[in-house]
Protein backbone atom coordinates (compact mmCIF):
# COMPACT_ATOMS: atom_id res chain seq x y z
CA MET A 1 89.48 -47.52 85.44
CA GLY A 2 87.13 -44.40 86.14
CA ARG A 3 83.57 -43.62 87.28
CA ILE A 4 80.60 -45.68 86.54
CA PRO A 5 79.06 -43.69 83.46
CA VAL A 6 75.88 -41.65 84.41
CA SER A 7 74.75 -42.38 80.61
CA LEU A 8 74.55 -46.20 81.47
CA SER A 9 71.25 -45.23 83.46
CA ASN A 10 69.71 -44.75 79.56
CA ALA A 11 69.68 -48.44 79.30
CA SER A 12 66.14 -48.88 80.43
CA ASN A 13 65.74 -52.38 79.53
CA LEU A 14 68.89 -53.44 80.99
CA LEU A 15 68.39 -56.98 82.94
CA GLN A 16 71.72 -57.48 84.77
CA LEU A 17 74.70 -55.34 85.62
CA ASP A 18 77.79 -56.95 86.91
CA LEU A 19 80.89 -54.97 87.62
CA ALA A 20 82.64 -57.33 89.70
CA ILE A 21 86.40 -57.19 89.84
CA ASN A 22 87.17 -53.97 88.09
CA LYS A 23 88.91 -50.44 89.21
CA LEU A 24 85.81 -48.42 89.32
CA ILE A 25 85.91 -45.30 91.38
CA GLY A 26 83.40 -42.82 93.16
CA SER A 27 79.93 -44.09 93.79
CA LEU A 28 76.64 -45.62 92.07
CA PRO A 29 74.81 -42.80 90.25
CA LEU A 30 71.69 -41.71 91.62
CA SER A 31 69.99 -42.25 88.39
CA PHE A 32 70.43 -46.00 88.71
CA GLY A 33 66.88 -45.49 89.84
CA ASN A 34 66.24 -45.20 86.00
CA LEU A 35 66.87 -48.87 85.61
CA ARG A 36 63.35 -50.09 86.33
CA ALA A 37 63.67 -53.66 84.41
CA LEU A 38 67.05 -54.27 86.68
CA ILE A 39 67.16 -57.84 88.33
CA PHE A 40 70.47 -58.29 89.18
CA LEU A 41 73.24 -55.58 90.43
CA ASN A 42 76.44 -56.62 91.72
CA ILE A 43 79.22 -54.32 92.02
CA PRO A 44 81.84 -55.57 94.66
CA SER A 45 84.50 -53.00 93.16
CA LYS A 46 86.98 -52.58 96.42
CA GLN A 47 87.15 -48.84 94.74
CA LEU A 48 83.49 -47.32 95.17
CA ARG A 49 82.84 -45.17 97.76
CA SER A 50 80.44 -42.60 99.47
CA ASP A 51 79.73 -40.83 102.58
CA ASP A 52 76.16 -41.78 102.90
CA LEU A 53 73.88 -44.41 101.52
CA ASN A 54 71.77 -42.21 99.73
CA PHE A 55 72.45 -43.94 96.31
CA LEU A 56 70.24 -46.90 97.42
CA THR A 57 67.16 -44.64 97.87
CA PRO A 58 66.46 -44.35 94.03
CA LEU A 59 67.02 -48.14 93.78
CA MET A 60 63.27 -48.55 94.93
CA ASN A 61 62.15 -47.76 91.70
CA CYS A 62 63.68 -50.89 90.52
CA SER A 63 60.61 -53.10 91.19
CA ARG A 64 62.27 -56.21 89.80
CA LEU A 65 65.38 -56.23 91.60
CA LYS A 66 66.36 -59.67 93.14
CA HIS A 67 69.76 -59.34 93.80
CA LEU A 68 71.89 -56.51 95.15
CA ASP A 69 75.61 -56.84 96.28
CA ILE A 70 77.80 -53.58 96.83
CA SER A 71 80.38 -55.73 99.25
CA ASN A 72 83.95 -54.90 99.26
CA ASN A 73 83.70 -51.19 98.78
CA LYS A 74 84.51 -48.24 100.55
CA PHE A 75 80.64 -47.13 101.41
CA THR A 76 80.37 -45.19 104.66
CA GLY A 77 77.43 -43.90 106.50
CA GLU A 78 74.20 -45.39 107.88
CA PHE A 79 71.56 -47.16 105.84
CA PRO A 80 68.72 -44.95 105.37
CA ARG A 81 65.13 -45.67 106.30
CA SER A 82 64.08 -46.31 102.67
CA ILE A 83 65.78 -49.26 102.39
CA GLY A 84 62.88 -50.83 103.34
CA ASN A 85 61.19 -49.65 100.13
CA LEU A 86 63.12 -51.65 97.90
CA SER A 87 61.99 -54.20 95.63
CA SER A 88 59.78 -56.71 97.69
CA LYS A 89 61.79 -59.61 95.00
CA LEU A 90 64.79 -58.78 96.54
CA SER A 91 66.11 -61.84 97.95
CA TRP A 92 70.00 -61.41 98.26
CA LEU A 93 71.04 -58.32 99.67
CA ASN A 94 75.34 -57.93 100.36
CA PHE A 95 77.01 -54.87 102.22
CA TYR A 96 79.97 -57.07 103.24
CA ASN A 97 83.24 -55.18 104.00
CA ASN A 98 82.61 -51.70 103.74
CA SER A 99 82.62 -49.10 106.53
CA ILE A 100 78.83 -48.68 107.45
CA HIS A 101 78.02 -47.80 111.07
CA GLY A 102 74.71 -47.47 113.02
CA SER A 103 72.12 -50.10 113.25
CA ILE A 104 70.67 -52.67 110.67
CA PRO A 105 67.15 -51.03 110.36
CA ALA A 106 63.84 -52.62 111.13
CA GLU A 107 62.50 -51.65 107.63
CA LEU A 108 64.22 -54.47 106.36
CA GLU A 109 61.47 -56.71 107.49
CA LYS A 110 59.26 -55.22 104.74
CA LEU A 111 61.43 -56.93 102.10
CA VAL A 112 59.45 -60.08 102.42
CA GLY A 113 61.63 -62.17 99.87
CA LEU A 114 64.92 -61.32 101.51
CA ASN A 115 66.61 -64.63 102.36
CA THR A 116 70.23 -63.79 102.17
CA VAL A 117 72.09 -60.32 103.67
CA GLY A 118 75.80 -60.08 104.20
CA THR A 119 76.48 -57.28 106.81
CA GLY A 120 79.78 -58.43 108.37
CA LEU A 121 82.98 -56.49 108.10
CA ASN A 122 81.27 -53.34 108.79
CA PHE A 123 80.56 -51.14 111.87
CA LEU A 124 77.31 -51.77 112.82
CA THR A 125 75.79 -52.16 116.32
CA LYS A 126 74.86 -55.71 116.64
CA TYR A 127 72.02 -56.88 119.34
CA GLY A 128 73.70 -57.51 122.62
CA MET A 129 75.74 -54.35 121.84
CA GLY A 130 73.16 -51.83 122.27
CA ALA A 131 70.56 -52.59 119.17
CA ALA A 132 67.38 -54.08 119.49
CA ALA A 133 67.26 -57.90 117.55
CA PRO A 134 65.37 -57.26 114.33
CA ARG A 135 62.73 -60.04 114.25
CA TRP A 136 64.42 -61.83 111.05
CA GLY A 137 67.87 -61.76 112.99
CA ASP A 138 71.38 -62.76 111.52
CA VAL A 139 73.10 -65.88 111.12
CA TYR A 140 76.31 -63.88 112.42
CA SER A 141 74.63 -63.29 115.79
CA TYR A 142 73.03 -66.29 116.07
CA ALA A 143 76.71 -68.03 115.59
CA ILE A 144 77.73 -65.91 118.69
CA VAL A 145 74.78 -66.90 120.66
CA LEU A 146 75.29 -70.48 119.90
CA LEU A 147 79.36 -70.17 120.77
CA ASP A 148 78.06 -68.60 123.82
CA LEU A 149 76.43 -71.59 124.64
CA PHE A 150 78.90 -74.09 123.66
CA THR A 151 81.84 -72.22 125.26
CA GLY A 152 80.31 -70.91 128.14
CA ASN A 153 81.41 -67.41 127.63
CA SER A 154 79.65 -64.25 127.25
CA PRO A 155 80.72 -61.46 124.69
CA VAL A 156 82.12 -59.51 127.85
CA ASP A 157 83.62 -62.08 129.69
CA GLU A 158 86.81 -61.66 131.08
CA THR A 159 88.59 -64.19 129.19
CA PHE A 160 88.26 -62.28 126.03
CA GLN A 161 90.93 -59.28 126.66
CA ASP A 162 93.79 -57.83 124.53
CA GLY A 163 92.05 -57.65 121.30
CA LEU A 164 90.34 -61.16 121.62
CA ASN A 165 86.47 -61.12 121.91
CA LEU A 166 83.60 -63.39 121.56
CA HIS A 167 83.16 -61.11 118.29
CA ASN A 168 86.70 -62.16 116.82
CA PHE A 169 86.41 -65.63 118.38
CA VAL A 170 83.24 -66.37 115.75
CA LYS A 171 85.39 -65.19 112.97
CA CYS A 172 88.40 -67.52 113.64
CA SER A 173 85.74 -70.40 114.96
CA CYS A 174 85.39 -72.30 111.32
CA ASN A 175 88.15 -74.70 112.30
CA ILE A 176 86.74 -75.59 115.52
CA PRO A 177 86.22 -79.53 115.13
CA TYR A 178 83.11 -80.91 115.37
CA GLY A 179 84.36 -83.21 118.31
CA TYR A 180 84.83 -80.25 120.40
CA VAL A 181 81.54 -78.89 120.17
CA LYS A 182 79.95 -82.66 120.58
CA MET A 183 81.90 -82.97 123.72
CA ARG A 184 81.17 -79.36 125.07
CA HIS A 185 77.62 -80.64 124.50
CA GLU A 186 78.12 -83.63 126.49
CA LEU A 187 79.70 -81.70 129.29
CA ILE A 188 76.66 -79.40 129.26
CA SER A 189 74.18 -82.39 129.08
CA MET A 190 76.02 -84.00 132.47
CA ASP A 191 76.22 -80.78 134.13
CA SER A 192 72.62 -79.89 133.77
CA GLU A 193 71.89 -83.56 135.10
CA ASP A 194 73.40 -82.72 138.50
């Protein structure tokens, strides 16, 4: 229990920092940008909080960073545009289950090595809900498009009321039997032949 010690950033040769399953409070120290050799930063703490995400900006000094996970915390605010200046080697970026709002910045496209982005359970503007679609897209929104095709319902369909919407439907859709999807596909195929 306690805060992440600022003195930790003096460990300039540190390669991995994994603080998962802990009771840390506060935010990430801005001095973490001094950890220039850092490759792996994993802090899904459940207790860390910040009113903005500006603590990400100094991490652009960590040019070897491949894995950044700050999921399951209480971070709020919008992504800073500087997020596109993180390491080009970054392949894993996870912000899942925070209280981040706004849109996913187009600057993420600069992160050419990025292959996994976790943004679910935040308050982000999704495309189709007022935001432009980023070129790299996201799997979650792709799933909404697929379910729209398979169910025939759009995100604003009248079927979805009283707290049920296509967005929540996607969250619960993991248990849709394959047969239903296949059957729905066959129905769509038959409809298109008419």
